[in-house]
N, C-alpha and C. Protein backbone atom coordinates (compact mmCIF):
# COMPACT_ATOMS: atom_id res chain seq x y z
N MET A 1 37.98 -81.73 -44.74
CA MET A 1 38.04 -81.31 -43.22
C MET A 1 37.06 -82.44 -42.41
N ASP A 2 37.78 -82.87 -41.31
CA ASP A 2 36.99 -83.67 -40.46
C ASP A 2 36.23 -82.92 -39.31
N PHE A 3 35.64 -83.71 -38.58
CA PHE A 3 35.08 -83.17 -37.47
C PHE A 3 35.80 -82.09 -36.56
N GLY A 4 36.90 -82.39 -36.21
CA GLY A 4 37.81 -81.61 -35.17
C GLY A 4 38.22 -80.20 -35.79
N GLN A 5 38.67 -80.53 -36.87
CA GLN A 5 38.88 -79.13 -37.69
C GLN A 5 37.71 -78.20 -38.09
N ARG A 6 36.75 -78.58 -38.36
CA ARG A 6 35.40 -78.24 -38.54
C ARG A 6 35.22 -77.18 -37.40
N LEU A 7 34.89 -77.74 -36.41
CA LEU A 7 34.70 -77.65 -34.74
C LEU A 7 35.81 -76.56 -34.42
N LYS A 8 36.96 -76.72 -34.56
CA LYS A 8 38.04 -75.76 -33.96
C LYS A 8 37.70 -74.16 -34.88
N SER A 9 37.42 -74.46 -36.48
CA SER A 9 37.25 -73.55 -37.07
C SER A 9 35.97 -72.95 -36.95
N LEU A 10 34.81 -73.24 -36.42
CA LEU A 10 33.62 -72.84 -36.51
C LEU A 10 33.84 -71.64 -34.92
N ARG A 11 34.41 -72.24 -34.06
CA ARG A 11 34.67 -71.56 -32.64
C ARG A 11 35.60 -70.42 -32.73
N GLU A 12 36.73 -70.80 -33.74
CA GLU A 12 37.61 -69.57 -33.82
C GLU A 12 36.97 -68.41 -34.52
N GLU A 13 35.99 -68.85 -35.83
CA GLU A 13 35.41 -68.07 -36.40
C GLU A 13 34.22 -67.24 -35.47
N LYS A 14 33.64 -67.63 -34.51
CA LYS A 14 33.00 -66.97 -33.36
C LYS A 14 33.66 -66.39 -32.38
N LYS A 15 34.78 -66.61 -32.33
CA LYS A 15 35.82 -65.81 -31.51
C LYS A 15 35.36 -66.29 -29.80
N ILE A 16 35.38 -67.53 -29.63
CA ILE A 16 35.02 -68.09 -28.05
C ILE A 16 36.10 -69.23 -27.89
N THR A 17 36.63 -69.10 -26.88
CA THR A 17 37.45 -70.21 -26.39
C THR A 17 37.06 -71.48 -26.18
N GLN A 18 37.51 -72.49 -25.77
CA GLN A 18 37.06 -73.79 -25.45
C GLN A 18 36.39 -73.69 -24.16
N ASP A 19 36.71 -72.97 -23.41
CA ASP A 19 36.36 -72.79 -22.03
C ASP A 19 34.51 -72.46 -22.40
N GLU A 20 34.55 -71.43 -23.20
CA GLU A 20 33.20 -70.75 -23.17
C GLU A 20 32.18 -71.63 -24.23
N LEU A 21 32.65 -72.49 -25.00
CA LEU A 21 32.03 -73.21 -25.86
C LEU A 21 31.26 -74.58 -24.99
N ALA A 22 32.59 -75.08 -24.06
CA ALA A 22 32.26 -76.00 -23.38
C ALA A 22 30.99 -75.39 -22.24
N ILE A 23 30.96 -74.51 -22.24
CA ILE A 23 29.91 -73.89 -20.75
C ILE A 23 28.67 -74.03 -21.72
N HIS A 24 28.70 -73.38 -22.82
CA HIS A 24 27.23 -73.48 -23.90
C HIS A 24 26.85 -74.85 -24.00
N ILE A 25 27.77 -75.76 -24.33
CA ILE A 25 27.22 -77.04 -24.59
C ILE A 25 26.72 -77.88 -23.77
N GLY A 26 27.57 -77.60 -22.23
CA GLY A 26 27.32 -78.08 -21.21
C GLY A 26 28.18 -79.51 -21.00
N VAL A 27 29.21 -79.33 -21.31
CA VAL A 27 30.61 -80.24 -21.16
C VAL A 27 31.84 -79.72 -20.61
N GLY A 28 32.67 -80.39 -20.37
CA GLY A 28 34.17 -79.71 -20.00
C GLY A 28 35.16 -79.14 -20.70
N ARG A 29 36.06 -78.28 -20.66
CA ARG A 29 36.84 -77.87 -21.92
C ARG A 29 37.74 -79.21 -22.06
N PRO A 30 38.14 -79.99 -21.46
CA PRO A 30 39.03 -81.43 -21.80
C PRO A 30 38.07 -81.95 -23.19
N THR A 31 36.67 -81.74 -22.91
CA THR A 31 36.01 -82.53 -23.87
C THR A 31 36.26 -82.06 -25.32
N ILE A 32 36.30 -80.65 -25.17
CA ILE A 32 36.04 -79.74 -26.40
C ILE A 32 37.70 -80.05 -26.98
N ALA A 33 38.35 -80.07 -26.44
CA ALA A 33 39.94 -80.22 -26.44
C ALA A 33 40.14 -81.49 -27.53
N GLY A 34 39.54 -82.46 -26.57
CA GLY A 34 39.59 -84.19 -27.11
C GLY A 34 38.71 -83.96 -28.66
N TYR A 35 37.63 -82.98 -28.80
CA TYR A 35 37.30 -83.47 -30.13
C TYR A 35 37.98 -82.44 -31.16
N GLU A 36 38.41 -81.36 -30.83
CA GLU A 36 39.11 -80.93 -31.67
C GLU A 36 40.53 -81.38 -32.32
N THR A 37 41.26 -81.97 -31.07
CA THR A 37 42.74 -82.45 -31.52
C THR A 37 42.76 -84.02 -31.17
N LYS A 38 42.23 -84.73 -30.64
CA LYS A 38 42.58 -85.92 -30.20
C LYS A 38 41.58 -87.06 -30.89
N GLY A 39 40.56 -86.42 -31.81
CA GLY A 39 39.66 -87.17 -33.13
C GLY A 39 38.68 -87.90 -31.74
N LYS A 40 38.25 -87.28 -30.77
CA LYS A 40 37.09 -87.78 -30.20
C LYS A 40 35.96 -87.64 -30.77
N GLN A 41 34.90 -88.47 -30.70
CA GLN A 41 33.61 -88.12 -31.57
C GLN A 41 32.39 -87.73 -30.45
N PRO A 42 31.44 -87.08 -30.67
CA PRO A 42 30.66 -86.66 -29.63
C PRO A 42 29.45 -87.71 -29.95
N SER A 43 28.75 -87.75 -28.95
CA SER A 43 27.38 -88.39 -28.70
C SER A 43 26.61 -87.42 -30.08
N PHE A 44 25.54 -87.95 -30.39
CA PHE A 44 24.39 -87.30 -31.15
C PHE A 44 23.64 -85.99 -30.84
N GLU A 45 23.40 -86.24 -29.45
CA GLU A 45 22.87 -85.09 -28.61
C GLU A 45 23.56 -83.90 -28.46
N ILE A 46 25.30 -84.37 -28.06
CA ILE A 46 26.11 -83.10 -28.26
C ILE A 46 26.44 -82.70 -29.65
N LEU A 47 26.10 -83.61 -30.63
CA LEU A 47 26.05 -82.81 -32.19
C LEU A 47 25.03 -82.25 -32.43
N GLU A 48 24.02 -82.19 -31.87
CA GLU A 48 22.86 -81.59 -32.23
C GLU A 48 22.80 -80.09 -31.64
N LYS A 49 23.55 -80.02 -30.15
CA LYS A 49 24.02 -78.96 -29.40
C LYS A 49 24.80 -78.12 -30.49
N LEU A 50 25.90 -78.53 -30.57
CA LEU A 50 27.03 -77.85 -31.43
C LEU A 50 26.59 -77.39 -32.81
N ALA A 51 25.54 -77.99 -33.53
CA ALA A 51 24.87 -77.45 -34.84
C ALA A 51 23.99 -76.32 -34.45
N ASP A 52 23.39 -76.27 -33.49
CA ASP A 52 22.43 -75.08 -33.25
C ASP A 52 23.29 -74.11 -32.75
N PHE A 53 24.26 -74.43 -31.98
CA PHE A 53 24.80 -73.44 -31.19
C PHE A 53 25.64 -72.29 -32.39
N PHE A 54 26.07 -72.93 -33.21
CA PHE A 54 27.02 -72.78 -34.49
C PHE A 54 26.01 -72.25 -35.88
N GLY A 55 24.44 -72.74 -35.81
CA GLY A 55 23.64 -72.41 -36.87
C GLY A 55 24.18 -73.21 -38.07
N VAL A 56 24.73 -74.64 -37.83
CA VAL A 56 25.03 -75.01 -38.97
C VAL A 56 24.21 -76.63 -39.32
N SER A 57 24.79 -77.19 -40.11
CA SER A 57 23.48 -78.78 -40.14
C SER A 57 24.51 -79.63 -39.60
N ILE A 58 24.45 -80.92 -38.91
CA ILE A 58 25.15 -81.89 -38.51
C ILE A 58 26.22 -82.53 -39.58
N ASP A 59 25.66 -82.34 -40.91
CA ASP A 59 26.30 -82.90 -41.86
C ASP A 59 27.71 -82.01 -42.18
N TYR A 60 27.12 -80.82 -42.05
CA TYR A 60 28.69 -80.04 -42.05
C TYR A 60 29.57 -79.96 -41.03
N LEU A 61 28.91 -80.18 -39.76
CA LEU A 61 30.02 -80.59 -38.46
C LEU A 61 30.70 -81.68 -38.96
N LEU A 62 30.07 -82.97 -39.38
CA LEU A 62 30.93 -84.06 -39.56
C LEU A 62 31.60 -84.21 -41.13
N GLY A 63 31.70 -83.01 -41.65
CA GLY A 63 32.48 -82.72 -42.83
C GLY A 63 31.60 -83.48 -44.14
N ARG A 64 30.49 -83.85 -43.94
CA ARG A 64 29.79 -84.70 -44.98
C ARG A 64 29.20 -83.40 -46.35
N THR A 65 29.54 -82.32 -45.73
CA THR A 65 28.78 -81.16 -46.71
C THR A 65 29.50 -80.01 -46.32
N ASN A 66 29.86 -79.15 -47.46
CA ASN A 66 30.31 -77.81 -47.38
C ASN A 66 29.10 -76.87 -47.40
N ASP A 67 27.92 -77.00 -47.34
CA ASP A 67 26.63 -76.14 -47.11
C ASP A 67 26.46 -76.03 -45.56
N LEU A 68 26.92 -74.69 -45.37
CA LEU A 68 27.33 -74.22 -43.81
C LEU A 68 25.66 -74.05 -43.20
N ASN A 69 24.47 -73.61 -44.11
CA ASN A 69 23.32 -73.45 -43.43
C ASN A 69 23.58 -72.30 -42.40
N TYR A 70 23.94 -71.44 -42.54
CA TYR A 70 24.24 -70.48 -41.91
C TYR A 70 22.66 -69.36 -41.45
N LYS A 71 22.00 -69.36 -42.14
CA LYS A 71 21.07 -68.43 -42.29
C LYS A 71 20.17 -68.33 -40.37
N ASP A 72 20.16 -69.25 -39.82
CA ASP A 72 19.59 -68.50 -38.30
C ASP A 72 20.72 -68.03 -37.67
N MET A 73 21.79 -68.29 -37.87
CA MET A 73 22.96 -67.56 -37.20
C MET A 73 23.38 -66.36 -37.90
N VAL A 74 23.25 -65.96 -38.71
CA VAL A 74 23.33 -64.81 -39.48
C VAL A 74 22.16 -63.72 -39.15
N PHE A 75 20.95 -64.33 -39.32
CA PHE A 75 19.67 -63.58 -38.55
C PHE A 75 19.81 -62.96 -37.26
N ASP A 76 20.41 -64.08 -36.53
CA ASP A 76 20.56 -63.25 -34.93
C ASP A 76 21.84 -62.72 -34.64
N ASN A 77 22.55 -63.02 -35.46
CA ASN A 77 24.00 -62.23 -35.04
C ASN A 77 23.50 -60.71 -35.87
N ASP A 78 22.75 -60.44 -36.87
CA ASP A 78 22.10 -59.21 -37.47
C ASP A 78 21.35 -58.42 -36.30
N ILE A 79 20.61 -58.90 -35.64
CA ILE A 79 19.72 -58.56 -34.84
C ILE A 79 20.25 -58.21 -33.23
N ALA A 80 21.30 -59.15 -33.25
CA ALA A 80 21.98 -58.65 -31.72
C ALA A 80 23.11 -57.37 -32.10
N LEU A 81 23.75 -57.44 -33.08
CA LEU A 81 24.35 -55.87 -33.61
C LEU A 81 23.43 -54.99 -33.93
N LEU A 82 22.24 -55.21 -34.30
CA LEU A 82 21.36 -53.95 -34.60
C LEU A 82 21.07 -53.29 -33.00
N ILE A 83 20.49 -54.20 -32.17
CA ILE A 83 20.37 -53.87 -30.79
C ILE A 83 21.66 -52.78 -30.23
N LYS A 84 22.82 -53.41 -30.46
CA LYS A 84 24.08 -53.25 -30.10
C LYS A 84 24.20 -51.62 -30.27
N HIS A 85 24.03 -51.49 -31.73
CA HIS A 85 24.59 -50.06 -32.22
C HIS A 85 23.38 -48.93 -31.68
N TYR A 86 22.32 -49.76 -31.54
CA TYR A 86 21.08 -48.54 -31.11
C TYR A 86 21.42 -48.35 -29.92
N LYS A 87 21.76 -49.13 -29.09
CA LYS A 87 21.97 -48.83 -27.64
C LYS A 87 22.88 -47.48 -27.58
N SER A 88 24.02 -47.53 -28.80
CA SER A 88 25.15 -46.45 -28.41
C SER A 88 24.49 -45.17 -29.11
N LEU A 89 23.63 -45.26 -29.70
CA LEU A 89 23.19 -43.69 -30.52
C LEU A 89 22.55 -43.00 -29.82
N PRO A 90 22.92 -41.47 -29.92
CA PRO A 90 22.07 -40.49 -29.32
C PRO A 90 20.96 -40.32 -29.52
N ASP A 91 20.12 -39.99 -28.56
CA ASP A 91 18.59 -39.76 -28.44
C ASP A 91 17.74 -39.52 -29.81
N GLU A 92 18.40 -38.46 -30.19
CA GLU A 92 17.55 -38.22 -31.70
C GLU A 92 17.94 -38.93 -32.79
N MET A 93 19.32 -39.84 -32.83
CA MET A 93 19.19 -40.82 -34.08
C MET A 93 18.38 -42.04 -33.66
N ALA A 94 18.42 -42.20 -32.52
CA ALA A 94 17.97 -43.42 -31.67
C ALA A 94 16.21 -43.25 -32.40
N LYS A 95 16.04 -42.19 -31.83
CA LYS A 95 14.50 -42.09 -32.51
C LYS A 95 14.36 -42.38 -33.97
N ILE A 96 15.26 -41.89 -34.86
CA ILE A 96 15.17 -42.24 -36.48
C ILE A 96 15.18 -43.51 -36.55
N MET A 97 16.02 -44.44 -36.15
CA MET A 97 16.48 -45.82 -36.30
C MET A 97 15.10 -46.34 -35.88
N THR A 98 14.33 -46.13 -34.77
CA THR A 98 13.57 -46.72 -34.27
C THR A 98 12.09 -46.69 -35.37
N SER A 99 12.04 -45.55 -35.76
CA SER A 99 11.07 -45.19 -36.84
C SER A 99 11.39 -45.94 -38.31
N VAL A 100 12.82 -46.15 -38.75
CA VAL A 100 13.13 -47.06 -40.00
C VAL A 100 12.73 -48.30 -39.60
N VAL A 101 12.96 -48.77 -38.39
CA VAL A 101 12.62 -50.34 -37.80
C VAL A 101 11.46 -50.37 -38.00
N ASP A 102 10.64 -49.68 -37.40
CA ASP A 102 9.37 -50.02 -37.10
C ASP A 102 8.35 -49.95 -38.59
N LYS A 103 8.87 -48.89 -39.49
CA LYS A 103 8.43 -48.86 -40.59
C LYS A 103 8.62 -49.96 -41.50
N PHE A 104 9.89 -50.44 -41.70
CA PHE A 104 10.31 -51.54 -42.25
C PHE A 104 9.49 -53.13 -41.75
N TYR A 105 9.21 -53.07 -40.43
CA TYR A 105 8.59 -54.20 -39.71
C TYR A 105 7.10 -54.13 -40.29
N LEU A 106 6.65 -53.13 -40.13
CA LEU A 106 5.12 -52.80 -40.72
C LEU A 106 4.89 -53.06 -42.48
N LEU A 107 6.43 -53.13 -43.09
CA LEU A 107 5.94 -52.86 -44.59
C LEU A 107 6.10 -54.55 -44.92
N ILE A 108 6.99 -55.39 -43.98
CA ILE A 108 7.20 -56.78 -44.73
C ILE A 108 6.06 -57.62 -43.56
N ASN A 109 5.67 -57.31 -42.59
CA ASN A 109 4.72 -58.05 -41.34
C ASN A 109 3.85 -58.92 -42.36
N ARG A 110 2.91 -58.03 -43.28
CA ARG A 110 1.66 -58.70 -43.79
C ARG A 110 2.19 -59.98 -44.62
N ASP A 111 3.19 -59.44 -45.19
CA ASP A 111 3.75 -60.49 -46.59
C ASP A 111 4.42 -61.56 -45.83
N VAL A 112 4.96 -61.53 -44.49
CA VAL A 112 5.97 -62.66 -43.94
C VAL A 112 4.68 -63.40 -43.35
N LYS A 113 3.86 -62.97 -42.77
CA LYS A 113 2.69 -64.09 -42.06
C LYS A 113 2.07 -64.83 -43.79
N SER A 114 1.80 -64.11 -44.57
CA SER A 114 0.90 -64.62 -45.98
C SER A 114 1.61 -65.68 -46.61
N HIS A 115 2.89 -65.47 -46.00
CA HIS A 115 4.08 -66.31 -47.14
C HIS A 115 4.04 -65.67 -48.59
N ASN A 116 4.18 -64.27 -48.69
CA ASN A 116 4.01 -63.82 -50.18
C ASN A 116 5.48 -63.58 -50.53
N LYS A 117 5.89 -64.92 -51.17
CA LYS A 117 7.25 -64.69 -51.75
C LYS A 117 7.47 -63.72 -52.42
N ALA A 118 6.69 -63.40 -53.67
CA ALA A 118 7.06 -62.25 -54.47
C ALA A 118 7.10 -60.92 -53.81
N ALA A 119 6.21 -60.52 -52.97
CA ALA A 119 6.75 -59.15 -52.22
C ALA A 119 7.92 -59.26 -51.84
N LEU A 120 8.51 -60.57 -50.76
CA LEU A 120 9.72 -60.10 -50.10
C LEU A 120 10.82 -60.25 -50.96
N GLU A 121 10.59 -60.92 -52.28
CA GLU A 121 11.50 -60.74 -53.25
C GLU A 121 12.16 -59.29 -53.66
N ILE A 122 10.80 -58.83 -54.05
CA ILE A 122 10.86 -57.25 -54.33
C ILE A 122 11.62 -56.58 -53.37
N TYR A 123 11.12 -56.80 -52.17
CA TYR A 123 11.89 -55.85 -51.25
C TYR A 123 13.31 -55.96 -51.05
N GLU A 124 13.51 -57.44 -51.39
CA GLU A 124 15.17 -57.72 -51.02
C GLU A 124 15.87 -57.34 -52.25
N ALA A 125 15.25 -57.30 -53.58
CA ALA A 125 15.91 -56.51 -54.95
C ALA A 125 16.10 -55.21 -54.47
N THR A 126 15.16 -54.74 -53.91
CA THR A 126 15.39 -53.20 -53.72
C THR A 126 16.13 -52.95 -53.08
N LEU A 127 16.70 -53.48 -51.86
CA LEU A 127 17.50 -53.36 -50.90
C LEU A 127 18.93 -53.66 -51.37
N ASN A 128 19.12 -54.66 -51.98
CA ASN A 128 20.18 -55.03 -52.94
C ASN A 128 20.40 -53.82 -53.98
N THR A 129 19.80 -53.53 -54.45
CA THR A 129 20.03 -52.36 -55.38
C THR A 129 20.42 -51.17 -54.72
N ILE A 130 20.02 -50.53 -53.48
CA ILE A 130 20.45 -49.62 -52.74
C ILE A 130 21.77 -49.75 -52.52
N LEU A 131 21.75 -51.02 -51.91
CA LEU A 131 23.27 -51.19 -51.47
C LEU A 131 24.58 -51.28 -52.44
N ASP A 132 24.02 -51.75 -53.58
CA ASP A 132 25.12 -51.86 -54.83
C ASP A 132 25.54 -50.70 -55.16
N LEU A 133 24.33 -49.73 -55.19
CA LEU A 133 24.23 -47.93 -55.46
C LEU A 133 25.35 -47.59 -54.52
N ARG A 134 24.94 -47.84 -53.53
CA ARG A 134 26.18 -47.45 -52.35
C ARG A 134 27.73 -47.60 -52.40
N ARG A 135 27.50 -48.70 -52.95
CA ARG A 135 28.98 -49.51 -53.44
C ARG A 135 29.66 -49.08 -54.41
N ALA A 136 28.75 -48.59 -55.71
CA ALA A 136 29.32 -48.45 -56.85
C ALA A 136 29.91 -46.74 -56.42
N ILE A 137 28.94 -45.69 -55.93
CA ILE A 137 29.65 -44.56 -55.59
C ILE A 137 30.78 -44.71 -54.60
N LYS A 138 30.94 -45.62 -53.80
CA LYS A 138 32.07 -45.58 -53.08
C LYS A 138 33.17 -46.08 -53.59
N ASP A 139 33.29 -47.03 -54.69
CA ASP A 139 33.97 -47.44 -55.19
C ASP A 139 34.77 -46.65 -56.53
N PHE A 140 34.04 -45.85 -57.06
CA PHE A 140 34.02 -44.98 -58.00
C PHE A 140 35.27 -43.77 -57.80
N LYS A 141 36.22 -44.01 -58.89
CA LYS A 141 37.70 -43.37 -58.73
C LYS A 141 37.25 -42.04 -59.68
N PHE A 142 37.07 -40.77 -58.90
CA PHE A 142 36.91 -39.69 -59.50
C PHE A 142 38.02 -38.78 -60.03
N GLU A 143 38.53 -38.91 -61.04
CA GLU A 143 39.67 -38.20 -61.41
C GLU A 143 39.43 -36.66 -61.34
N ARG A 144 39.31 -36.24 -60.39
CA ARG A 144 39.12 -34.57 -60.57
C ARG A 144 40.20 -33.91 -61.09
N TYR A 145 41.69 -34.30 -60.96
CA TYR A 145 42.86 -33.74 -61.63
C TYR A 145 43.34 -34.03 -62.81
N ASP A 146 42.34 -34.97 -63.41
CA ASP A 146 42.44 -35.72 -64.87
C ASP A 146 41.70 -34.56 -66.14
N LEU A 147 42.49 -34.65 -67.01
CA LEU A 147 41.87 -33.74 -68.24
C LEU A 147 40.62 -34.21 -68.86
N ASN A 148 40.34 -35.41 -68.32
CA ASN A 148 38.99 -36.48 -68.61
C ASN A 148 38.15 -36.24 -67.90
N ILE A 149 38.11 -34.99 -67.23
CA ILE A 149 37.06 -35.17 -66.08
C ILE A 149 35.70 -35.25 -66.47
N SER A 150 35.25 -34.65 -67.84
CA SER A 150 34.09 -34.88 -68.39
C SER A 150 33.76 -36.57 -68.44
N ASP A 151 34.58 -37.35 -68.71
CA ASP A 151 34.53 -38.86 -68.75
C ASP A 151 33.99 -38.94 -67.26
N SER A 152 34.86 -38.73 -66.29
CA SER A 152 34.27 -39.16 -64.89
C SER A 152 32.82 -38.72 -64.58
N LEU A 153 32.19 -37.61 -65.01
CA LEU A 153 31.01 -37.04 -64.89
C LEU A 153 30.30 -37.79 -65.60
N THR A 154 30.53 -38.18 -66.94
CA THR A 154 29.54 -38.89 -67.34
C THR A 154 29.46 -40.13 -66.93
N SER A 155 30.35 -40.76 -66.47
CA SER A 155 30.28 -42.20 -65.95
C SER A 155 29.12 -42.04 -64.65
N ILE A 156 29.42 -41.01 -63.65
CA ILE A 156 28.46 -40.87 -62.78
C ILE A 156 27.02 -40.79 -63.21
N ILE A 157 26.80 -39.95 -64.27
CA ILE A 157 25.60 -39.82 -64.70
C ILE A 157 24.98 -41.18 -65.23
N GLU A 158 25.95 -41.88 -65.64
CA GLU A 158 25.45 -43.29 -66.18
C GLU A 158 25.11 -44.22 -65.06
N ILE A 159 26.09 -44.20 -64.09
CA ILE A 159 25.53 -44.85 -62.85
C ILE A 159 24.30 -44.70 -62.28
N GLN A 160 24.13 -43.07 -62.09
CA GLN A 160 22.82 -42.94 -61.54
C GLN A 160 21.35 -43.18 -62.53
N ALA A 161 21.78 -43.24 -63.92
CA ALA A 161 20.56 -43.49 -64.63
C ALA A 161 20.30 -45.12 -64.78
N LYS A 162 21.56 -45.82 -64.38
CA LYS A 162 21.16 -47.19 -64.23
C LYS A 162 20.13 -47.70 -62.76
N TYR A 163 20.54 -46.93 -61.85
CA TYR A 163 20.00 -47.52 -60.70
C TYR A 163 18.88 -46.73 -60.52
N LYS A 164 18.17 -45.47 -61.24
CA LYS A 164 17.14 -45.13 -61.22
C LYS A 164 16.25 -46.04 -62.01
N ASN A 165 16.58 -46.47 -63.17
CA ASN A 165 15.81 -47.21 -63.95
C ASN A 165 15.48 -48.50 -62.91
N ASP A 166 16.60 -49.28 -62.41
CA ASP A 166 16.24 -50.68 -61.87
C ASP A 166 15.13 -50.30 -60.76
N MET A 167 15.26 -49.09 -59.95
CA MET A 167 14.41 -48.75 -58.79
C MET A 167 13.03 -48.62 -59.63
N ASN A 168 12.95 -47.98 -60.81
CA ASN A 168 11.41 -48.06 -61.29
C ASN A 168 11.18 -49.18 -61.78
N LEU A 169 11.82 -49.93 -62.30
CA LEU A 169 11.45 -51.44 -62.46
C LEU A 169 10.98 -52.33 -61.30
N LEU A 170 11.37 -52.03 -60.08
CA LEU A 170 11.03 -52.70 -58.89
C LEU A 170 9.88 -51.95 -58.60
N ILE A 171 9.47 -50.90 -58.56
CA ILE A 171 8.58 -50.05 -57.96
C ILE A 171 7.33 -50.33 -58.87
N ASP A 172 7.51 -50.43 -60.15
CA ASP A 172 6.33 -51.03 -61.37
C ASP A 172 5.88 -52.36 -60.60
N LYS A 173 6.74 -53.47 -60.60
CA LYS A 173 6.59 -54.60 -59.56
C LYS A 173 5.64 -54.73 -58.76
N LEU A 174 6.20 -53.76 -58.13
CA LEU A 174 5.50 -53.62 -56.73
C LEU A 174 4.27 -53.10 -56.73
N VAL A 175 4.04 -52.12 -57.81
CA VAL A 175 2.58 -51.42 -58.04
C VAL A 175 1.60 -52.52 -58.31
N GLN A 176 1.93 -53.68 -59.21
CA GLN A 176 1.29 -54.32 -59.79
C GLN A 176 0.99 -55.63 -58.96
N LEU A 177 1.99 -55.71 -57.78
CA LEU A 177 2.07 -56.83 -56.92
C LEU A 177 0.77 -56.42 -55.61
N TYR A 178 0.53 -55.26 -55.63
CA TYR A 178 -0.30 -54.50 -54.89
C TYR A 178 -1.92 -54.56 -55.57
N LEU A 179 -1.51 -53.93 -56.69
CA LEU A 179 -2.89 -53.79 -57.38
C LEU A 179 -3.70 -55.22 -57.34
N ASP A 180 -2.81 -56.31 -57.83
CA ASP A 180 -3.25 -57.69 -58.17
C ASP A 180 -4.22 -58.24 -56.72
N SER A 181 -3.67 -57.89 -55.65
CA SER A 181 -4.13 -58.02 -54.15
C SER A 181 -5.22 -57.50 -53.69
N ASN A 182 -5.46 -56.41 -54.27
CA ASN A 182 -6.38 -55.34 -54.00
C ASN A 182 -7.92 -55.88 -54.67
N GLU A 183 -9.12 -56.27 -54.00
CA GLU A 183 -10.11 -56.86 -54.14
C GLU A 183 -11.04 -55.79 -55.48
N GLU A 184 -10.82 -54.43 -54.53
CA GLU A 184 -11.66 -53.68 -55.49
C GLU A 184 -11.03 -53.43 -56.85
N PHE A 185 -9.80 -53.56 -57.00
CA PHE A 185 -9.26 -53.15 -58.47
C PHE A 185 -9.48 -54.46 -58.95
N LYS A 186 -9.19 -55.78 -58.48
CA LYS A 186 -9.70 -56.68 -59.27
C LYS A 186 -11.09 -56.70 -59.57
N LYS A 187 -12.09 -56.65 -58.80
CA LYS A 187 -13.55 -56.07 -59.33
C LYS A 187 -13.55 -55.23 -60.49
N ALA A 188 -13.07 -54.27 -60.11
CA ALA A 188 -13.03 -53.03 -61.31
C ALA A 188 -12.45 -53.67 -62.63
N LYS A 189 -11.28 -54.60 -62.42
CA LYS A 189 -10.71 -55.24 -63.52
C LYS A 189 -11.75 -55.91 -64.66
N ASP A 190 -12.07 -56.80 -63.67
CA ASP A 190 -13.07 -57.96 -64.20
C ASP A 190 -13.95 -57.11 -65.09
N GLU A 191 -14.93 -56.12 -64.29
CA GLU A 191 -16.19 -55.63 -65.05
C GLU A 191 -15.34 -54.90 -66.51
N MET A 192 -14.44 -54.31 -66.23
CA MET A 192 -13.69 -53.52 -67.46
C MET A 192 -13.95 -54.73 -68.70
N SER A 193 -13.01 -55.71 -68.30
CA SER A 193 -12.70 -56.88 -69.24
C SER A 193 -13.90 -57.41 -69.88
N SER A 194 -15.31 -57.48 -68.94
CA SER A 194 -16.53 -58.22 -69.26
C SER A 194 -17.24 -56.70 -70.16
N ALA A 195 -16.85 -55.69 -70.18
CA ALA A 195 -17.59 -54.81 -70.88
C ALA A 195 -16.83 -54.56 -72.00
N LEU A 196 -15.78 -54.90 -72.49
CA LEU A 196 -14.74 -54.74 -73.35
C LEU A 196 -15.33 -56.00 -74.33
N GLU A 197 -15.63 -57.23 -73.80
CA GLU A 197 -15.93 -58.42 -74.57
C GLU A 197 -17.51 -58.37 -75.06
N LYS A 198 -18.00 -57.39 -74.40
CA LYS A 198 -19.47 -56.97 -74.74
C LYS A 198 -19.23 -56.51 -76.40
N HIS A 199 -18.50 -55.51 -75.90
CA HIS A 199 -18.32 -54.41 -77.21
C HIS A 199 -17.51 -55.04 -78.39
N ALA A 200 -17.04 -56.10 -78.20
CA ALA A 200 -15.96 -56.62 -79.18
C ALA A 200 -16.76 -57.33 -80.25
């Protein structure tokens, strides 16, 4: 896929017109049309603006790689959608959502600041487990009129047991991580190790 095709694909995926893209980039609509259909090549400055706007790399725009590098765009879009949904909520639900977001921020804030990758990976795995559980229940086909209804119930119990076990393992990892970062715990652990060595 060449530059023109990539640009058109990204623009259509973002659901904006050539005019809207031109305004964002600071060029005229005919310039965007020329990039997309007439093989015209932008300056490096324009390439940088396009890459920043779509959240992709310049190499992706030029067709040198298929790696989108969407992370910044995904994050920005998620924040924008969250704010949009928040503003449409009734007051009672808005208060709950505010509390959820605030607690999640408090949870990850220290680990983000300290670049604690291990903790962030556990939070990510925990959220993925919850999403997987919701998907598994949603996709489950409950044969309520089937003679093998007991098989369906058994399957539900197995799903529940699996995700309980997954969550317990993640909680164990989190407890250990928090304990390892607790100075008092580390001191007590060292003292206990010393005492055991003396009695060995």
